[in-house]
Amino acid sequence: MILILGSHHYEQGTDPVIDWLIYYKVPFLKMTLNDLFYAENGLSVNIGKRQIFYQGINLNEEVNVVWYRHFMEAYSPLLEEKDPISTRMNKETHNEISCFMEMFQEYLKDKKWFSGMDAVYLNKLTVLNAAEEAGLKIPHSTILTSRKEVLRLLEEQKLEKLIMKPFSDRSKSYYTMGEKSYVSFVQEFSAQSAESLQERFFPALFQEKIEADFEIRVFYLDGTCTSTAILIDGGYDTDDRKKITDNNRISVVRYALPKTVEDQLVCLMKTLNLMMGSIDLIRTLQGDFVFLEINPIGQYSYESEKNNFYTEKKIAECLMHYNKFTKS
């Protein structure tokens, strides 16, 4: 059986894969945060025997493959945080759930995970180190805390521009409050605009601004890379592609990476113990390929639909393969 740890809402990357599993008549169980902790489900754990039971199913005996996707990300506070007690209770509940899920992965560690929870929550900074060790080019990157250091970096490295972005991948890039949505963007700085920074500020990640010919989104699945070039009509006139609101300016086309780069990406993903993930690269004006980041639970449906990759079908078939050849 395939166990899917997902969101209780529709999720564009997960649900189409489930459709293929239903088509192929493959036994699977989808479990969400709400299902596990807030619904009648017969959940019980025999700690002495290290066995987990859910809806009368012994997961240790029945499950062969676990696909982790947007499970803990679906957590929302139980109580409205209107006083210190409710805030504290929400934090305690989150801690209890996190502790339970650590045990959950430990008790099912002999199963094939796509990918494990510990692998999914990457550290963006150490991933840059791993990418460089795999032979990939990375932007000059540093964490700074003052305007003076930013100006010094620009001068010493002879850089025209820097970009600033969060260094944690556990931060949300958008927030919704009532009828309003808030999105965080990459911020660009030159020596002139950096003068507007506060004298001292909270530690932030600054990277060399690389002039891109185009961006590349690579979807990695079990040793195979599928690549898409993202072309901007009129070139890049912004420091963040999310700021381009005219979709007619954006084209996504199939792209063949050099084998050397693909091999380096495969090496990196295996080093990080990731079965799948979305990887962002830049092809520079000089023809170099620069690694930016990995999102282990990133989206792939848009590129799949535009280029007829049938990524969701391939994920389902990969899950089926390991379900067949992994014994409980």
C-alpha atoms as a PDB file:
ATOM      1  CA  MET A   1       0.000   0.000   0.000  1.00  0.00           C
ATOM      2  CA  ILE A   2       1.043   3.594  -0.711  1.00  0.00           C
ATOM      3  CA  LEU A   3       0.592   6.057   2.153  1.00  0.00           C
ATOM      4  CA  ILE A   4       0.185   9.709   1.135  1.00  0.00           C
ATOM      5  CA  LEU A   5       0.741  12.333   3.820  1.00  0.00           C
ATOM      6  CA  GLY A   6      -0.870  15.406   2.314  1.00  0.00           C
ATOM      7  CA  SER A   7      -3.127  18.411   2.757  1.00  0.00           C
ATOM      8  CA  HIS A   8      -6.856  18.142   3.454  1.00  0.00           C
ATOM      9  CA  HIS A   9      -7.441  20.840   0.825  1.00  0.00           C
ATOM     10  CA  TYR A  10      -7.096  20.332  -2.930  1.00  0.00           C
ATOM     11  CA  GLU A  11      -3.395  20.427  -3.795  1.00  0.00           C
ATOM     12  CA  GLN A  12      -2.433  20.819  -7.444  1.00  0.00           C
ATOM     13  CA  GLY A  13       0.614  18.566  -7.214  1.00  0.00           C
ATOM     14  CA  THR A  14      -0.926  15.754  -5.158  1.00  0.00           C
ATOM     15  CA  ASP A  15      -4.479  15.259  -6.369  1.00  0.00           C
ATOM     16  CA  PRO A  16      -3.664  14.575 -10.061  1.00  0.00           C
ATOM     17  CA  VAL A  17      -1.200  11.878  -8.924  1.00  0.00           C
ATOM     18  CA  ILE A  18      -3.992  10.320  -6.837  1.00  0.00           C
ATOM     19  CA  ASP A  19      -6.196  10.319  -9.960  1.00  0.00           C
ATOM     20  CA  TRP A  20      -3.565   8.191 -11.711  1.00  0.00           C
ATOM     21  CA  LEU A  21      -3.344   5.809  -8.732  1.00  0.00           C
ATOM     22  CA  ILE A  22      -7.117   5.385  -8.891  1.00  0.00           C
ATOM     23  CA  TYR A  23      -6.881   4.791 -12.653  1.00  0.00           C
ATOM     24  CA  TYR A  24      -4.249   2.088 -12.132  1.00  0.00           C
ATOM     25  CA  LYS A  25      -6.306   0.580  -9.265  1.00  0.00           C
ATOM     26  CA  VAL A  26      -3.381   0.816  -6.849  1.00  0.00           C
ATOM     27  CA  PRO A  27      -4.188   0.540  -3.115  1.00  0.00           C
ATOM     28  CA  PHE A  28      -3.364   3.764  -1.314  1.00  0.00           C
ATOM     29  CA  LEU A  29      -4.320   5.667   1.807  1.00  0.00           C
ATOM     30  CA  LYS A  30      -4.276   9.459   2.005  1.00  0.00           C
ATOM     31  CA  MET A  31      -3.792  10.832   5.495  1.00  0.00           C
ATOM     32  CA  THR A  32      -4.007  14.511   6.415  1.00  0.00           C
ATOM     33  CA  LEU A  33      -3.279  16.432   9.592  1.00  0.00           C
ATOM     34  CA  ASN A  34      -7.020  16.737  10.232  1.00  0.00           C
ATOM     35  CA  ASP A  35      -7.575  13.022   9.642  1.00  0.00           C
ATOM     36  CA  LEU A  36      -4.803  12.015  11.994  1.00  0.00           C
ATOM     37  CA  PHE A  37      -5.419  14.311  14.947  1.00  0.00           C
ATOM     38  CA  TYR A  38      -8.906  15.791  14.777  1.00  0.00           C
ATOM     39  CA  ALA A  39     -11.195  13.074  13.396  1.00  0.00           C
ATOM     40  CA  GLU A  40     -12.491   9.728  14.603  1.00  0.00           C
ATOM     41  CA  ASN A  41      -9.968   7.380  13.078  1.00  0.00           C
ATOM     42  CA  GLY A  42      -9.108   4.660  15.573  1.00  0.00           C
ATOM     43  CA  LEU A  43      -5.531   5.939  15.795  1.00  0.00           C
ATOM     44  CA  SER A  44      -3.404   4.015  18.264  1.00  0.00           C
ATOM     45  CA  VAL A  45       0.307   3.361  18.693  1.00  0.00           C
ATOM     46  CA  ASN A  46       1.840   0.343  20.409  1.00  0.00           C
ATOM     47  CA  ILE A  47       5.106   1.890  21.533  1.00  0.00           C
ATOM     48  CA  GLY A  48       6.528  -1.386  22.844  1.00  0.00           C
ATOM     49  CA  LYS A  49       6.013  -3.104  19.477  1.00  0.00           C
ATOM     50  CA  ARG A  50       6.655   0.101  17.473  1.00  0.00           C
ATOM     51  CA  GLN A  51       3.408  -0.345  15.552  1.00  0.00           C
ATOM     52  CA  ILE A  52       0.952   2.282  14.293  1.00  0.00           C
ATOM     53  CA  PHE A  53      -2.733   1.516  13.715  1.00  0.00           C
ATOM     54  CA  TYR A  54      -5.048   3.796  11.745  1.00  0.00           C
ATOM     55  CA  GLN A  55      -8.661   3.012  10.782  1.00  0.00           C
ATOM     56  CA  GLY A  56      -8.012  -0.596  11.795  1.00  0.00           C
ATOM     57  CA  ILE A  57      -4.996  -0.828   9.468  1.00  0.00           C
ATOM     58  CA  ASN A  58      -1.585  -1.848  10.784  1.00  0.00           C
ATOM     59  CA  LEU A  59       0.541   0.655   8.867  1.00  0.00           C
ATOM     60  CA  ASN A  60       3.759  -1.221   9.660  1.00  0.00           C
ATOM     61  CA  GLU A  61       2.450  -4.321   7.897  1.00  0.00           C
ATOM     62  CA  GLU A  62       0.426  -2.794   5.051  1.00  0.00           C
ATOM     63  CA  VAL A  63       2.430   0.241   3.925  1.00  0.00           C
ATOM     64  CA  ASN A  64       5.360  -0.098   1.525  1.00  0.00           C
ATOM     65  CA  VAL A  65       5.814   3.486   0.325  1.00  0.00           C
ATOM     66  CA  VAL A  66       5.252   6.854   2.008  1.00  0.00           C
ATOM     67  CA  TRP A  67       4.837  10.025  -0.030  1.00  0.00           C
ATOM     68  CA  TYR A  68       5.227  13.118   2.156  1.00  0.00           C
ATOM     69  CA  ARG A  69       3.794  16.256   0.591  1.00  0.00           C
ATOM     70  CA  HIS A  70       2.413  19.394   2.284  1.00  0.00           C
ATOM     71  CA  PHE A  71       1.420  17.570   5.480  1.00  0.00           C
ATOM     72  CA  MET A  72       2.772  19.706   8.325  1.00  0.00           C
ATOM     73  CA  GLU A  73       2.436  22.785   6.107  1.00  0.00           C
ATOM     74  CA  ALA A  74      -1.352  22.390   6.447  1.00  0.00           C
ATOM     75  CA  TYR A  75      -1.187  23.019  10.197  1.00  0.00           C
ATOM     76  CA  SER A  76      -3.288  25.917  11.429  1.00  0.00           C
ATOM     77  CA  PRO A  77      -3.695  27.064  15.044  1.00  0.00           C
ATOM     78  CA  LEU A  78      -6.618  25.517  16.912  1.00  0.00           C
ATOM     79  CA  LEU A  79      -7.411  28.624  18.910  1.00  0.00           C
ATOM     80  CA  GLU A  80      -7.729  32.254  17.996  1.00  0.00           C
ATOM     81  CA  GLU A  81      -4.621  33.863  19.445  1.00  0.00           C
ATOM     82  CA  LYS A  82      -6.258  36.629  21.459  1.00  0.00           C
ATOM     83  CA  ASP A  83      -4.242  36.209  24.636  1.00  0.00           C
ATOM     84  CA  PRO A  84      -0.909  34.685  25.799  1.00  0.00           C
ATOM     85  CA  ILE A  85      -2.597  31.469  26.976  1.00  0.00           C
ATOM     86  CA  SER A  86      -4.194  30.659  23.609  1.00  0.00           C
ATOM     87  CA  THR A  87      -0.923  31.471  21.847  1.00  0.00           C
ATOM     88  CA  ARG A  88       0.948  29.161  24.186  1.00  0.00           C
ATOM     89  CA  MET A  89      -1.612  26.364  23.767  1.00  0.00           C
ATOM     90  CA  ASN A  90      -1.308  26.564  19.983  1.00  0.00           C
ATOM     91  CA  LYS A  91       2.468  26.291  20.274  1.00  0.00           C
ATOM     92  CA  GLU A  92       2.169  23.311  22.633  1.00  0.00           C
ATOM     93  CA  THR A  93      -0.211  21.562  20.212  1.00  0.00           C
ATOM     94  CA  HIS A  94       2.185  22.127  17.323  1.00  0.00           C
ATOM     95  CA  ASN A  95       5.036  20.729  19.406  1.00  0.00           C
ATOM     96  CA  GLU A  96       2.993  17.620  20.256  1.00  0.00           C
ATOM     97  CA  ILE A  97       2.154  17.035  16.582  1.00  0.00           C
ATOM     98  CA  SER A  98       5.793  17.511  15.548  1.00  0.00           C
ATOM     99  CA  CYS A  99       6.965  15.041  18.198  1.00  0.00           C
ATOM    100  CA  PHE A 100       4.358  12.500  17.071  1.00  0.00           C
ATOM    101  CA  MET A 101       5.423  12.818  13.433  1.00  0.00           C
ATOM    102  CA  GLU A 102       9.091  12.294  14.354  1.00  0.00           C
ATOM    103  CA  MET A 103       8.035   9.032  15.983  1.00  0.00           C
ATOM    104  CA  PHE A 104       5.822   8.242  12.976  1.00  0.00           C
ATOM    105  CA  GLN A 105       8.771   8.461  10.589  1.00  0.00           C
ATOM    106  CA  GLU A 106      11.012   6.475  12.933  1.00  0.00           C
ATOM    107  CA  TYR A 107       8.495   3.618  13.226  1.00  0.00           C
ATOM    108  CA  LEU A 108       8.088   3.504   9.429  1.00  0.00           C
ATOM    109  CA  LYS A 109      11.739   4.095   8.578  1.00  0.00           C
ATOM    110  CA  ASP A 110      12.001   0.742   6.785  1.00  0.00           C
ATOM    111  CA  LYS A 111       9.519   1.971   4.157  1.00  0.00           C
ATOM    112  CA  LYS A 112      10.454   3.808   0.960  1.00  0.00           C
ATOM    113  CA  TRP A 113       9.963   7.528   1.637  1.00  0.00           C
ATOM    114  CA  PHE A 114       9.350  10.147  -1.098  1.00  0.00           C
ATOM    115  CA  SER A 115      11.137  11.959   0.656  1.00  0.00           C
ATOM    116  CA  GLY A 116      11.562  11.755   4.426  1.00  0.00           C
ATOM    117  CA  MET A 117      10.395  14.655   6.581  1.00  0.00           C
ATOM    118  CA  ASP A 118      13.966  15.323   7.675  1.00  0.00           C
ATOM    119  CA  ALA A 119      15.039  15.567   4.016  1.00  0.00           C
ATOM    120  CA  VAL A 120      12.114  17.779   2.967  1.00  0.00           C
ATOM    121  CA  TYR A 121      12.973  20.580   5.387  1.00  0.00           C
ATOM    122  CA  LEU A 122      16.248  21.639   3.833  1.00  0.00           C
ATOM    123  CA  ASN A 123      18.559  24.375   4.988  1.00  0.00           C
ATOM    124  CA  LYS A 124      18.943  26.688   2.003  1.00  0.00           C
ATOM    125  CA  LEU A 125      22.434  27.739   3.116  1.00  0.00           C
ATOM    126  CA  THR A 126      23.962  24.282   3.519  1.00  0.00           C
ATOM    127  CA  VAL A 127      22.308  23.198   0.248  1.00  0.00           C
ATOM    128  CA  LEU A 128      24.368  25.885  -1.494  1.00  0.00           C
ATOM    129  CA  ASN A 129      27.502  24.281  -0.024  1.00  0.00           C
ATOM    130  CA  ALA A 130      26.373  20.822  -1.159  1.00  0.00           C
ATOM    131  CA  ALA A 131      25.638  22.126  -4.662  1.00  0.00           C
ATOM    132  CA  GLU A 132      29.118  23.603  -4.935  1.00  0.00           C
ATOM    133  CA  GLU A 133      30.642  20.340  -3.718  1.00  0.00           C
ATOM    134  CA  ALA A 134      28.684  18.526  -6.449  1.00  0.00           C
ATOM    135  CA  GLY A 135      30.418  20.743  -9.028  1.00  0.00           C
ATOM    136  CA  LEU A 136      27.637  23.277  -9.640  1.00  0.00           C
ATOM    137  CA  LYS A 137      28.223  27.002  -9.850  1.00  0.00           C
ATOM    138  CA  ILE A 138      26.487  29.054  -7.143  1.00  0.00           C
ATOM    139  CA  PRO A 139      26.092  32.820  -6.627  1.00  0.00           C
ATOM    140  CA  HIS A 140      28.429  34.585  -4.232  1.00  0.00           C
ATOM    141  CA  SER A 141      26.359  34.446  -1.016  1.00  0.00           C
ATOM    142  CA  THR A 142      26.749  35.940   2.437  1.00  0.00           C
ATOM    143  CA  ILE A 143      24.650  36.838   5.471  1.00  0.00           C
ATOM    144  CA  LEU A 144      25.004  40.466   6.503  1.00  0.00           C
ATOM    145  CA  THR A 145      23.609  42.672   9.270  1.00  0.00           C
ATOM    146  CA  SER A 146      24.584  46.243   8.384  1.00  0.00           C
ATOM    147  CA  ARG A 147      24.526  48.794   5.568  1.00  0.00           C
ATOM    148  CA  LYS A 148      28.286  49.205   5.874  1.00  0.00           C
ATOM    149  CA  GLU A 149      28.877  45.484   5.211  1.00  0.00           C
ATOM    150  CA  VAL A 150      26.590  45.549   2.165  1.00  0.00           C
ATOM    151  CA  LEU A 151      28.445  48.493   0.657  1.00  0.00           C
ATOM    152  CA  ARG A 152      31.799  46.869   1.419  1.00  0.00           C
ATOM    153  CA  LEU A 153      30.702  43.629  -0.293  1.00  0.00           C
ATOM    154  CA  LEU A 154      29.639  45.464  -3.428  1.00  0.00           C
ATOM    155  CA  GLU A 155      32.977  47.247  -3.578  1.00  0.00           C
ATOM    156  CA  GLU A 156      35.309  44.362  -2.685  1.00  0.00           C
ATOM    157  CA  GLN A 157      33.644  41.832  -5.001  1.00  0.00           C
ATOM    158  CA  LYS A 158      33.202  44.461  -7.733  1.00  0.00           C
ATOM    159  CA  LEU A 159      29.498  43.636  -7.976  1.00  0.00           C
ATOM    160  CA  GLU A 160      27.034  45.933  -9.685  1.00  0.00           C
ATOM    161  CA  LYS A 161      24.047  44.606  -7.768  1.00  0.00           C
ATOM    162  CA  LEU A 162      23.034  42.291  -4.938  1.00  0.00           C
ATOM    163  CA  ILE A 163      19.727  40.629  -4.173  1.00  0.00           C
ATOM    164  CA  MET A 164      18.369  40.115  -0.675  1.00  0.00           C
ATOM    165  CA  LYS A 165      16.018  37.269   0.256  1.00  0.00           C
ATOM    166  CA  PRO A 166      15.067  35.123   3.275  1.00  0.00           C
ATOM    167  CA  PHE A 167      17.537  32.376   4.104  1.00  0.00           C
ATOM    168  CA  SER A 168      14.926  30.098   5.670  1.00  0.00           C
ATOM    169  CA  ASP A 169      12.905  27.775   3.447  1.00  0.00           C
ATOM    170  CA  ARG A 170      10.437  27.259   6.282  1.00  0.00           C
ATOM    171  CA  SER A 171       9.056  30.758   5.876  1.00  0.00           C
ATOM    172  CA  LYS A 172       5.916  31.242   3.822  1.00  0.00           C
ATOM    173  CA  SER A 173       6.321  33.447   0.769  1.00  0.00           C
ATOM    174  CA  TYR A 174       2.738  34.686   0.973  1.00  0.00           C
ATOM    175  CA  TYR A 175       0.171  35.447   3.637  1.00  0.00           C
ATOM    176  CA  THR A 176      -3.560  35.967   3.538  1.00  0.00           C
ATOM    177  CA  MET A 177      -5.378  38.132   6.063  1.00  0.00           C
ATOM    178  CA  GLY A 178      -9.065  38.627   5.377  1.00  0.00           C
ATOM    179  CA  GLU A 179      -9.496  39.812   1.813  1.00  0.00           C
ATOM    180  CA  LYS A 180      -5.868  40.874   1.442  1.00  0.00           C
ATOM    181  CA  SER A 181      -2.823  38.835   0.399  1.00  0.00           C
ATOM    182  CA  TYR A 182       0.794  39.704   1.075  1.00  0.00           C
ATOM    183  CA  VAL A 183       3.692  38.329  -0.952  1.00  0.00           C
ATOM    184  CA  SER A 184       7.398  38.521  -0.172  1.00  0.00           C
ATOM    185  CA  PHE A 185       9.712  39.365  -3.061  1.00  0.00           C
ATOM    186  CA  VAL A 186      13.419  39.305  -3.725  1.00  0.00           C
ATOM    187  CA  GLN A 187      14.853  42.817  -3.232  1.00  0.00           C
ATOM    188  CA  GLU A 188      17.620  44.217  -5.446  1.00  0.00           C
ATOM    189  CA  PHE A 189      20.305  46.626  -4.235  1.00  0.00           C
ATOM    190  CA  SER A 190      22.972  48.671  -5.986  1.00  0.00           C
ATOM    191  CA  ALA A 191      25.535  50.789  -4.183  1.00  0.00           C
ATOM    192  CA  GLN A 192      23.171  53.733  -4.517  1.00  0.00           C
ATOM    193  CA  SER A 193      19.982  52.007  -3.318  1.00  0.00           C
ATOM    194  CA  ALA A 194      21.851  50.223  -0.506  1.00  0.00           C
ATOM    195  CA  GLU A 195      22.289  53.645   1.120  1.00  0.00           C
ATOM    196  CA  SER A 196      18.585  53.445   1.999  1.00  0.00           C
ATOM    197  CA  LEU A 197      19.164  50.433   4.253  1.00  0.00           C
ATOM    198  CA  GLN A 198      19.096  50.886   7.999  1.00  0.00           C
ATOM    199  CA  GLU A 199      22.478  51.139   9.669  1.00  0.00           C
ATOM    200  CA  ARG A 200      21.887  47.739  11.321  1.00  0.00           C
ATOM    201  CA  PHE A 201      19.219  45.140  10.540  1.00  0.00           C
ATOM    202  CA  PHE A 202      18.206  41.546  11.211  1.00  0.00           C
ATOM    203  CA  PRO A 203      20.558  39.039   9.505  1.00  0.00           C
ATOM    204  CA  ALA A 204      19.632  38.681   5.833  1.00  0.00           C
ATOM    205  CA  LEU A 205      20.937  36.638   2.915  1.00  0.00           C
ATOM    206  CA  PHE A 206      22.601  38.690   0.181  1.00  0.00           C
ATOM    207  CA  GLN A 207      23.577  37.123  -3.121  1.00  0.00           C
ATOM    208  CA  GLU A 208      25.322  38.307  -6.231  1.00  0.00           C
ATOM    209  CA  LYS A 209      22.760  39.470  -8.797  1.00  0.00           C
ATOM    210  CA  ILE A 210      23.338  37.298 -11.852  1.00  0.00           C
ATOM    211  CA  GLU A 211      22.217  38.606 -15.230  1.00  0.00           C
ATOM    212  CA  ALA A 212      20.100  35.816 -16.648  1.00  0.00           C
ATOM    213  CA  ASP A 213      19.618  34.824 -20.253  1.00  0.00           C
ATOM    214  CA  PHE A 214      16.738  32.706 -18.940  1.00  0.00           C
ATOM    215  CA  GLU A 215      15.717  30.638 -15.923  1.00  0.00           C
ATOM    216  CA  ILE A 216      15.430  26.855 -15.879  1.00  0.00           C
ATOM    217  CA  ARG A 217      13.069  24.792 -13.712  1.00  0.00           C
ATOM    218  CA  VAL A 218      14.213  21.179 -13.326  1.00  0.00           C
ATOM    219  CA  PHE A 219      11.951  18.508 -11.896  1.00  0.00           C
ATOM    220  CA  TYR A 220      13.944  15.641 -10.434  1.00  0.00           C
ATOM    221  CA  LEU A 221      12.394  12.212  -9.893  1.00  0.00           C
ATOM    222  CA  ASP A 222      14.386   9.189  -8.780  1.00  0.00           C
ATOM    223  CA  GLY A 223      17.532   9.886 -10.817  1.00  0.00           C
ATOM    224  CA  THR A 224      15.867  11.564 -13.816  1.00  0.00           C
ATOM    225  CA  CYS A 225      15.782  15.287 -14.638  1.00  0.00           C
ATOM    226  CA  THR A 226      13.043  16.935 -16.716  1.00  0.00           C
ATOM    227  CA  SER A 227      13.879  20.537 -17.601  1.00  0.00           C
ATOM    228  CA  THR A 228      11.910  23.585 -18.690  1.00  0.00           C
ATOM    229  CA  ALA A 229      13.314  26.911 -19.892  1.00  0.00           C
ATOM    230  CA  ILE A 230      11.351  29.965 -18.747  1.00  0.00           C
ATOM    231  CA  LEU A 231      11.609  32.684 -21.386  1.00  0.00           C
ATOM    232  CA  ILE A 232      10.599  36.294 -20.731  1.00  0.00           C
ATOM    233  CA  ASP A 233       9.503  38.352 -23.716  1.00  0.00           C
ATOM    234  CA  GLY A 234      11.428  41.609 -23.583  1.00  0.00           C
ATOM    235  CA  GLY A 235      13.959  40.253 -21.099  1.00  0.00           C
ATOM    236  CA  TYR A 236      14.178  40.616 -17.333  1.00  0.00           C
ATOM    237  CA  ASP A 237      13.088  44.079 -16.200  1.00  0.00           C
ATOM    238  CA  THR A 238      12.515  43.021 -12.589  1.00  0.00           C
ATOM    239  CA  ASP A 239      14.481  41.375  -9.788  1.00  0.00           C
ATOM    240  CA  ASP A 240      11.770  38.757  -9.173  1.00  0.00           C
ATOM    241  CA  ARG A 241       9.793  36.857 -11.810  1.00  0.00           C
ATOM    242  CA  LYS A 242       6.755  36.822  -9.475  1.00  0.00           C
ATOM    243  CA  LYS A 243       6.399  40.542 -10.160  1.00  0.00           C
ATOM    244  CA  ILE A 244       5.626  39.913 -13.839  1.00  0.00           C
ATOM    245  CA  THR A 245       1.829  40.031 -13.970  1.00  0.00           C
ATOM    246  CA  ASP A 246       1.435  39.711 -17.745  1.00  0.00           C
ATOM    247  CA  ASN A 247       1.494  35.951 -18.383  1.00  0.00           C
ATOM    248  CA  ASN A 248       1.652  36.600 -22.123  1.00  0.00           C
ATOM    249  CA  ARG A 249       5.269  37.647 -21.595  1.00  0.00           C
ATOM    250  CA  ILE A 250       6.230  34.268 -20.146  1.00  0.00           C
ATOM    251  CA  SER A 251       6.837  31.150 -22.248  1.00  0.00           C
ATOM    252  CA  VAL A 252       7.837  27.731 -20.926  1.00  0.00           C
ATOM    253  CA  VAL A 253       9.490  25.291 -23.320  1.00  0.00           C
ATOM    254  CA  ARG A 254      11.257  21.939 -23.049  1.00  0.00           C
ATOM    255  CA  TYR A 255      14.972  22.265 -22.477  1.00  0.00           C
ATOM    256  CA  ALA A 256      17.883  19.831 -22.626  1.00  0.00           C
ATOM    257  CA  LEU A 257      20.509  20.481 -19.964  1.00  0.00           C
ATOM    258  CA  PRO A 258      24.116  19.510 -20.684  1.00  0.00           C
ATOM    259  CA  LYS A 259      24.745  15.994 -19.366  1.00  0.00           C
ATOM    260  CA  THR A 260      27.455  17.286 -17.036  1.00  0.00           C
ATOM    261  CA  VAL A 261      24.981  19.593 -15.301  1.00  0.00           C
ATOM    262  CA  GLU A 262      22.329  16.863 -15.094  1.00  0.00           C
ATOM    263  CA  ASP A 263      24.862  14.495 -13.534  1.00  0.00           C
ATOM    264  CA  GLN A 264      25.804  17.151 -10.979  1.00  0.00           C
ATOM    265  CA  LEU A 265      22.136  17.674 -10.082  1.00  0.00           C
ATOM    266  CA  VAL A 266      21.570  13.927  -9.692  1.00  0.00           C
ATOM    267  CA  CYS A 267      24.633  13.738  -7.448  1.00  0.00           C
ATOM    268  CA  LEU A 268      23.311  16.634  -5.346  1.00  0.00           C
ATOM    269  CA  MET A 269      19.831  15.145  -4.926  1.00  0.00           C
ATOM    270  CA  LYS A 270      21.239  11.774  -3.911  1.00  0.00           C
ATOM    271  CA  THR A 271      23.558  13.464  -1.418  1.00  0.00           C
ATOM    272  CA  LEU A 272      20.531  15.228   0.105  1.00  0.00           C
ATOM    273  CA  ASN A 273      18.565  11.950   0.129  1.00  0.00           C
ATOM    274  CA  LEU A 274      15.772  13.412  -1.991  1.00  0.00           C
ATOM    275  CA  MET A 275      13.633  11.242  -4.239  1.00  0.00           C
ATOM    276  CA  MET A 276      12.042  14.238  -5.960  1.00  0.00           C
ATOM    277  CA  GLY A 277      12.123  17.990  -6.003  1.00  0.00           C
ATOM    278  CA  SER A 278      11.979  21.156  -8.102  1.00  0.00           C
ATOM    279  CA  ILE A 279      15.339  22.802  -8.811  1.00  0.00           C
ATOM    280  CA  ASP A 280      15.885  26.368 -10.015  1.00  0.00           C
ATOM    281  CA  LEU A 281      18.856  27.286 -12.219  1.00  0.00           C
ATOM    282  CA  ILE A 282      19.892  30.326 -14.221  1.00  0.00           C
ATOM    283  CA  ARG A 283      21.584  30.254 -17.607  1.00  0.00           C
ATOM    284  CA  THR A 284      23.776  33.333 -17.699  1.00  0.00           C
ATOM    285  CA  LEU A 285      24.439  35.589 -20.670  1.00  0.00           C
ATOM    286  CA  GLN A 286      27.865  33.913 -20.876  1.00  0.00           C
ATOM    287  CA  GLY A 287      26.279  30.435 -21.154  1.00  0.00           C
ATOM    288  CA  ASP A 288      27.055  29.219 -17.607  1.00  0.00           C
ATOM    289  CA  PHE A 289      24.536  27.353 -15.477  1.00  0.00           C
ATOM    290  CA  VAL A 290      24.138  28.654 -11.922  1.00  0.00           C
ATOM    291  CA  PHE A 291      22.313  26.752  -9.178  1.00  0.00           C
ATOM    292  CA  LEU A 292      19.833  28.765  -7.094  1.00  0.00           C
ATOM    293  CA  GLU A 293      17.783  26.470  -4.855  1.00  0.00           C
ATOM    294  CA  ILE A 294      15.746  23.293  -4.386  1.00  0.00           C
ATOM    295  CA  ASN A 295      12.147  22.975  -3.285  1.00  0.00           C
ATOM    296  CA  PRO A 296      11.612  19.308  -2.277  1.00  0.00           C
ATOM    297  CA  ILE A 297       7.832  19.736  -2.382  1.00  0.00           C
ATOM    298  CA  GLY A 298       7.746  22.337  -5.148  1.00  0.00           C
ATOM    299  CA  GLN A 299       5.140  22.535  -7.885  1.00  0.00           C
ATOM    300  CA  TYR A 300       5.488  20.887 -11.281  1.00  0.00           C
ATOM    301  CA  SER A 301       1.986  20.826 -12.785  1.00  0.00           C
ATOM    302  CA  TYR A 302       2.341  24.049 -14.782  1.00  0.00           C
ATOM    303  CA  GLU A 303       5.477  22.940 -16.610  1.00  0.00           C
ATOM    304  CA  SER A 304       4.058  19.440 -17.015  1.00  0.00           C
ATOM    305  CA  GLU A 305       0.866  20.699 -18.654  1.00  0.00           C
ATOM    306  CA  LYS A 306       2.600  23.202 -20.932  1.00  0.00           C
ATOM    307  CA  ASN A 307       5.179  20.688 -22.181  1.00  0.00           C
ATOM    308  CA  ASN A 308       3.199  17.427 -22.052  1.00  0.00           C
ATOM    309  CA  PHE A 309       5.625  15.909 -19.538  1.00  0.00           C
ATOM    310  CA  TYR A 310       2.873  13.896 -17.776  1.00  0.00           C
ATOM    311  CA  THR A 311       4.821  14.393 -14.570  1.00  0.00           C
ATOM    312  CA  GLU A 312       1.889  13.371 -12.363  1.00  0.00           C
ATOM    313  CA  LYS A 313       1.597  10.068 -14.242  1.00  0.00           C
ATOM    314  CA  LYS A 314       5.347   9.455 -13.876  1.00  0.00           C
ATOM    315  CA  ILE A 315       5.196  10.117 -10.112  1.00  0.00           C
ATOM    316  CA  ALA A 316       2.297   7.677  -9.760  1.00  0.00           C
ATOM    317  CA  GLU A 317       4.189   5.036 -11.725  1.00  0.00           C
ATOM    318  CA  CYS A 318       7.312   5.587  -9.624  1.00  0.00           C
ATOM    319  CA  LEU A 319       5.269   5.151  -6.431  1.00  0.00           C
ATOM    320  CA  MET A 320       3.744   2.002  -7.925  1.00  0.00           C
ATOM    321  CA  HIS A 321       7.180   0.635  -8.791  1.00  0.00           C
ATOM    322  CA  TYR A 322       8.471   0.952  -5.241  1.00  0.00           C
ATOM    323  CA  ASN A 323       5.176  -0.287  -3.823  1.00  0.00           C
ATOM    324  CA  LYS A 324       5.618  -3.452  -5.859  1.00  0.00           C
ATOM    325  CA  PHE A 325       9.261  -4.096  -5.059  1.00  0.00           C
ATOM    326  CA  THR A 326       9.383  -2.911  -1.427  1.00  0.00           C
ATOM    327  CA  LYS A 327       8.199  -5.541   1.032  1.00  0.00           C
ATOM    328  CA  SER A 328       6.621  -4.630   4.349  1.00  0.00           C
END
